C-alpha atoms as a PDB file:
ATOM      1  CA  MET A   1      17.966  29.182   6.900  1.00  0.00           C
ATOM      2  CA  LYS A   2      19.495  25.784   7.785  1.00  0.00           C
ATOM      3  CA  HIS A   3      16.341  24.792   9.653  1.00  0.00           C
ATOM      4  CA  LEU A   4      14.142  25.689   6.695  1.00  0.00           C
ATOM      5  CA  ALA A   5      16.281  23.592   4.336  1.00  0.00           C
ATOM      6  CA  LEU A   6      16.174  20.660   6.764  1.00  0.00           C
ATOM      7  CA  ALA A   7      12.389  20.927   7.103  1.00  0.00           C
ATOM      8  CA  LEU A   8      11.964  20.945   3.317  1.00  0.00           C
ATOM      9  CA  LEU A   9      14.257  17.932   2.967  1.00  0.00           C
ATOM     10  CA  LEU A  10      12.313  15.974   5.597  1.00  0.00           C
ATOM     11  CA  CYS A  11       9.015  16.805   3.896  1.00  0.00           C
ATOM     12  CA  ALA A  12      10.392  15.593   0.560  1.00  0.00           C
ATOM     13  CA  LEU A  13      11.637  12.342   2.090  1.00  0.00           C
ATOM     14  CA  LEU A  14       8.288  11.733   3.777  1.00  0.00           C
ATOM     15  CA  SER A  15       6.537  11.701   0.406  1.00  0.00           C
ATOM     16  CA  LEU A  16       8.965   9.028  -0.833  1.00  0.00           C
ATOM     17  CA  SER A  17       8.187   6.652   2.011  1.00  0.00           C
ATOM     18  CA  ASP A  18       5.690   3.827   1.720  1.00  0.00           C
ATOM     19  CA  ALA A  19       2.389   4.780   3.324  1.00  0.00           C
ATOM     20  CA  PHE A  20       1.397   1.434   4.730  1.00  0.00           C
ATOM     21  CA  CYS A  21       3.988  -1.125   5.805  1.00  0.00           C
ATOM     22  CA  TYR A  22       4.670  -2.915   9.019  1.00  0.00           C
ATOM     23  CA  ARG A  23       7.649  -4.915  10.169  1.00  0.00           C
ATOM     24  CA  LYS A  24       7.397  -8.359  11.697  1.00  0.00           C
ATOM     25  CA  LEU A  25       9.719  -9.861  14.274  1.00  0.00           C
ATOM     26  CA  MET A  26      11.691 -12.888  13.112  1.00  0.00           C
ATOM     27  CA  LYS A  27      13.280 -15.238  15.590  1.00  0.00           C
ATOM     28  CA  GLU A  28      16.697 -16.709  14.912  1.00  0.00           C
ATOM     29  CA  GLY A  29      16.536 -20.157  13.347  1.00  0.00           C
ATOM     30  CA  MET A  30      13.011 -19.774  11.932  1.00  0.00           C
ATOM     31  CA  THR A  31      12.370 -21.814   8.777  1.00  0.00           C
ATOM     32  CA  HIS A  32       8.717 -20.752   8.287  1.00  0.00           C
ATOM     33  CA  CYS A  33       6.480 -17.868   9.322  1.00  0.00           C
ATOM     34  CA  GLN A  34       2.718 -17.425   9.546  1.00  0.00           C
ATOM     35  CA  ASP A  35       0.725 -14.773   7.701  1.00  0.00           C
ATOM     36  CA  ASP A  36      -1.033 -12.568  10.263  1.00  0.00           C
ATOM     37  CA  ASP A  37      -4.283 -12.327   8.287  1.00  0.00           C
ATOM     38  CA  ASP A  38      -4.674 -15.638   6.463  1.00  0.00           C
ATOM     39  CA  GLN A  39      -2.892 -17.813   9.050  1.00  0.00           C
ATOM     40  CA  THR A  40      -1.009 -19.557   6.196  1.00  0.00           C
ATOM     41  CA  TRP A  41       2.586 -20.741   6.615  1.00  0.00           C
ATOM     42  CA  HIS A  42       5.426 -19.644   4.308  1.00  0.00           C
ATOM     43  CA  PRO A  43       9.142 -20.508   4.076  1.00  0.00           C
ATOM     44  CA  VAL A  44      11.625 -17.834   5.189  1.00  0.00           C
ATOM     45  CA  GLY A  45      12.796 -15.911   2.095  1.00  0.00           C
ATOM     46  CA  SER A  46       9.514 -16.265   0.202  1.00  0.00           C
ATOM     47  CA  THR A  47       7.040 -13.503  -0.667  1.00  0.00           C
ATOM     48  CA  TRP A  48       3.266 -13.687  -1.060  1.00  0.00           C
ATOM     49  CA  ARG A  49       0.128 -11.567  -1.395  1.00  0.00           C
ATOM     50  CA  ASN A  50      -2.517 -12.256   1.228  1.00  0.00           C
ATOM     51  CA  SER A  51      -6.300 -11.808   1.131  1.00  0.00           C
ATOM     52  CA  LYS A  52      -6.007  -8.261   2.564  1.00  0.00           C
ATOM     53  CA  CYS A  53      -3.978  -7.159  -0.502  1.00  0.00           C
ATOM     54  CA  MET A  54      -0.739  -7.019   1.438  1.00  0.00           C
ATOM     55  CA  ASP A  55       2.560  -8.016  -0.190  1.00  0.00           C
ATOM     56  CA  CYS A  56       4.397  -9.893   2.540  1.00  0.00           C
ATOM     57  CA  SER A  57       7.607 -11.622   3.462  1.00  0.00           C
ATOM     58  CA  CYS A  58       8.471 -13.136   6.808  1.00  0.00           C
ATOM     59  CA  ASP A  59       9.811  -9.800   8.095  1.00  0.00           C
ATOM     60  CA  GLU A  60       7.533  -7.199   6.472  1.00  0.00           C
ATOM     61  CA  CYS A  61       4.098  -6.609   4.938  1.00  0.00           C
ATOM     62  CA  CYS A  62       3.209  -3.618   2.739  1.00  0.00           C
ATOM     63  CA  SER A  63       0.017  -2.566   1.041  1.00  0.00           C
ATOM     64  CA  ALA A  64      -0.102  -3.721  -2.566  1.00  0.00           C
ATOM     65  CA  TYR A  65      -2.199  -0.757  -3.695  1.00  0.00           C
ATOM     66  CA  SER A  66      -2.407   3.026  -3.681  1.00  0.00           C
ATOM     67  CA  THR A  67      -5.376   4.899  -2.223  1.00  0.00           C
ATOM     68  CA  PRO A  68      -6.519   7.787  -4.472  1.00  0.00           C
ATOM     69  CA  HIS A  69      -6.921  11.092  -2.630  1.00  0.00           C
ATOM     70  CA  ASN A  70      -7.324  13.724  -5.303  1.00  0.00           C
ATOM     71  CA  PHE A  71      -9.620  13.210  -8.276  1.00  0.00           C
ATOM     72  CA  PRO A  72     -12.513  15.169  -9.864  1.00  0.00           C
ATOM     73  CA  TYR A  73     -15.518  15.823  -7.597  1.00  0.00           C
ATOM     74  CA  ASP A  74     -17.927  14.061  -9.968  1.00  0.00           C
ATOM     75  CA  CYS A  75     -15.993  10.790  -9.602  1.00  0.00           C
ATOM     76  CA  VAL A  76     -15.907   8.037  -6.986  1.00  0.00           C
ATOM     77  CA  SER A  77     -13.217   5.532  -5.980  1.00  0.00           C
ATOM     78  CA  VAL A  78     -14.188   1.879  -5.580  1.00  0.00           C
ATOM     79  CA  PHE A  79     -11.841  -0.818  -4.281  1.00  0.00           C
ATOM     80  CA  ASP A  80     -11.556  -4.017  -6.330  1.00  0.00           C
ATOM     81  CA  PRO A  81     -10.318  -6.682  -3.854  1.00  0.00           C
ATOM     82  CA  LYS A  82      -9.576  -9.222  -6.591  1.00  0.00           C
ATOM     83  CA  ALA A  83      -7.269  -6.852  -8.481  1.00  0.00           C
ATOM     84  CA  CYS A  84      -6.049  -5.157  -5.257  1.00  0.00           C
ATOM     85  CA  GLN A  85      -6.593  -1.690  -6.688  1.00  0.00           C
ATOM     86  CA  TYR A  86      -8.906   1.292  -6.537  1.00  0.00           C
ATOM     87  CA  ILE A  87     -10.830   2.173  -9.666  1.00  0.00           C
ATOM     88  CA  VAL A  88     -11.913   5.807 -10.003  1.00  0.00           C
ATOM     89  CA  HIS A  89     -14.852   6.386 -12.314  1.00  0.00           C
ATOM     90  CA  LYS A  90     -17.678   8.857 -12.957  1.00  0.00           C
ATOM     91  CA  ARG A  91     -20.422   8.634 -10.334  1.00  0.00           C
ATOM     92  CA  ASP A  92     -23.153   8.409 -12.949  1.00  0.00           C
ATOM     93  CA  ASP A  93     -21.244   6.248 -15.464  1.00  0.00           C
ATOM     94  CA  PRO A  94     -18.882   3.520 -14.164  1.00  0.00           C
ATOM     95  CA  SER A  95     -17.598   2.893 -17.696  1.00  0.00           C
ATOM     96  CA  VAL A  96     -15.856   6.295 -17.756  1.00  0.00           C
ATOM     97  CA  LEU A  97     -12.596   6.311 -15.804  1.00  0.00           C
ATOM     98  CA  CYS A  98     -11.379   9.475 -14.089  1.00  0.00           C
ATOM     99  CA  PRO A  99      -7.875  10.871 -13.683  1.00  0.00           C
ATOM    100  CA  ILE A 100      -6.163  10.515 -10.295  1.00  0.00           C
ATOM    101  CA  TYR A 101      -4.077  13.536  -9.309  1.00  0.00           C
ATOM    102  CA  SER A 102      -2.588  12.127  -6.105  1.00  0.00           C
ATOM    103  CA  ALA A 103      -2.599   8.910  -4.119  1.00  0.00           C
ATOM    104  CA  VAL A 104      -1.083   7.484  -0.957  1.00  0.00           C
ATOM    105  CA  GLY A 105       0.696   4.156  -0.754  1.00  0.00           C
ATOM    106  CA  LYS A 106       2.667   1.715  -2.817  1.00  0.00           C
END
């Protein structure tokens, strides 16, 4: 019974974790760091959003959006890179938005 409770707890914690982050190595004494995608330089302690829709700091980058995984079959998800978000709408009518039942990320 203990193992079952532990397994359920671990499954619950997994769903609370961020789906897409990565850590970056910082060297002691650094005053600036470089964005891996845009090659731009930023002061230590600052945060920014890069062109790949990642919210970054000098020691970590995480996706700034959620990826929809469960929505009605007659709908489609389309990524808007300017807004850094997926829009889910009817396949035959992009003006009609669809509900999202589950998503991964952010």
